[in-house]
């Protein structure tokens, strides 16, 4: 049986330059996305999938590590998902 990891442990397994595929819809690992946002050593993290999480901290965490070309779009999506209550980080 595979080991169960906390979101933080899973985020630690990724390299500063790495690729991650995330599932759609209810399978999205909001805790993992938030844990990725806590790291500050990313060089080139590529995350593939459609972000449908309504969990605003997860969206903000992803925006924090996103390429600058996509950061504003992710922050706007977080604000829409929260009904305008999402704190802006930029």
Protein backbone atom coordinates (compact mmCIF):
# COMPACT_ATOMS: atom_id res chain seq x y z
CA UNK A 1 0.00 0.00 0.00
CA UNK A 2 1.39 3.46 -0.89
CA UNK A 3 2.43 5.70 1.96
CA UNK A 4 0.02 8.44 2.94
CA UNK A 5 1.62 11.86 2.89
CA UNK A 6 0.55 15.16 4.35
CA UNK A 7 0.20 18.01 1.85
CA UNK A 8 3.48 19.44 3.14
CA UNK A 9 5.30 16.12 2.70
CA UNK A 10 3.95 15.79 -0.83
CA UNK A 11 5.05 19.34 -1.70
CA UNK A 12 8.55 18.55 -0.40
CA UNK A 13 8.86 15.72 -2.93
CA UNK A 14 8.73 18.10 -5.88
CA UNK A 15 11.96 19.57 -7.22
CA UNK A 16 12.38 23.36 -7.70
CA UNK A 17 11.96 22.68 -11.44
CA UNK A 18 9.23 20.09 -11.84
CA UNK A 19 5.89 19.27 -13.44
CA UNK A 20 2.66 18.42 -11.64
CA UNK A 21 -0.65 17.26 -13.08
CA UNK A 22 -3.72 17.86 -10.91
CA UNK A 23 -7.13 16.25 -11.36
CA UNK A 24 -10.28 18.15 -12.20
CA UNK A 25 -13.13 19.05 -9.91
CA UNK A 26 -13.52 17.42 -6.53
CA UNK A 27 -10.24 15.53 -6.86
CA UNK A 28 -8.17 18.70 -6.65
CA UNK A 29 -5.76 18.65 -3.72
CA UNK A 30 -6.36 22.09 -2.19
CA UNK A 31 -4.04 21.29 0.72
CA UNK A 32 -1.22 20.37 -1.65
CA UNK A 33 -1.73 23.52 -3.70
CA UNK A 34 -1.56 25.60 -0.51
CA UNK A 35 1.60 23.75 0.58
CA UNK A 36 3.20 24.47 -2.81
CA UNK A 37 2.50 28.16 -2.21
CA UNK A 38 4.42 28.03 1.06
CA UNK A 39 7.66 27.10 -0.70
CA UNK A 40 9.87 29.88 -1.98
CA UNK A 41 12.48 27.90 -3.93
CA UNK A 42 10.56 27.36 -7.17
CA UNK A 43 12.55 27.83 -10.35
CA UNK A 44 10.05 26.45 -12.84
CA UNK A 45 7.05 24.58 -11.52
CA UNK A 46 4.56 23.64 -14.22
CA UNK A 47 1.09 22.74 -12.96
CA UNK A 48 -1.27 21.21 -15.51
CA UNK A 49 -4.99 20.87 -14.96
CA UNK A 50 -8.05 23.05 -14.74
CA UNK A 51 -8.20 24.89 -11.45
CA UNK A 52 -11.79 24.60 -10.33
CA UNK A 53 -11.18 24.84 -6.62
CA UNK A 54 -13.48 27.23 -4.82
CA UNK A 55 -11.00 27.13 -1.97
CA UNK A 56 -9.69 30.68 -2.15
CA UNK A 57 -6.44 30.06 -0.21
CA UNK A 58 -5.55 27.34 -2.73
CA UNK A 59 -6.08 29.72 -5.64
CA UNK A 60 -4.05 32.44 -3.92
CA UNK A 61 -1.25 29.98 -3.15
CA UNK A 62 -1.08 28.96 -6.78
CA UNK A 63 -1.10 32.60 -7.87
CA UNK A 64 1.81 33.33 -5.53
CA UNK A 65 4.03 30.85 -7.37
CA UNK A 66 2.55 31.34 -10.84
CA UNK A 67 4.41 32.77 -13.78
CA UNK A 68 3.85 36.55 -13.78
CA UNK A 69 1.89 36.26 -17.06
CA UNK A 70 -0.81 34.23 -15.24
CA UNK A 71 -0.68 35.65 -11.69
CA UNK A 72 -3.29 38.39 -12.13
CA UNK A 73 -5.77 36.01 -13.80
CA UNK A 74 -5.48 33.56 -10.89
CA UNK A 75 -5.95 36.32 -8.31
CA UNK A 76 -9.04 37.57 -10.15
CA UNK A 77 -10.43 34.01 -10.18
CA UNK A 78 -9.85 33.75 -6.42
CA UNK A 79 -11.71 37.00 -5.88
CA UNK A 80 -14.64 35.83 -8.03
CA UNK A 81 -14.75 32.45 -6.23
CA UNK A 82 -14.94 34.21 -2.87
CA UNK A 83 -17.69 36.60 -3.91
CA UNK A 84 -15.27 39.52 -3.69
CA UNK A 85 -14.00 38.68 -0.22
CA UNK A 86 -10.58 37.32 -1.22
CA UNK A 87 -7.64 39.34 0.08
CA UNK A 88 -5.36 40.50 -2.69
CA UNK A 89 -1.71 39.51 -2.38
CA UNK A 90 -0.32 41.80 -5.04
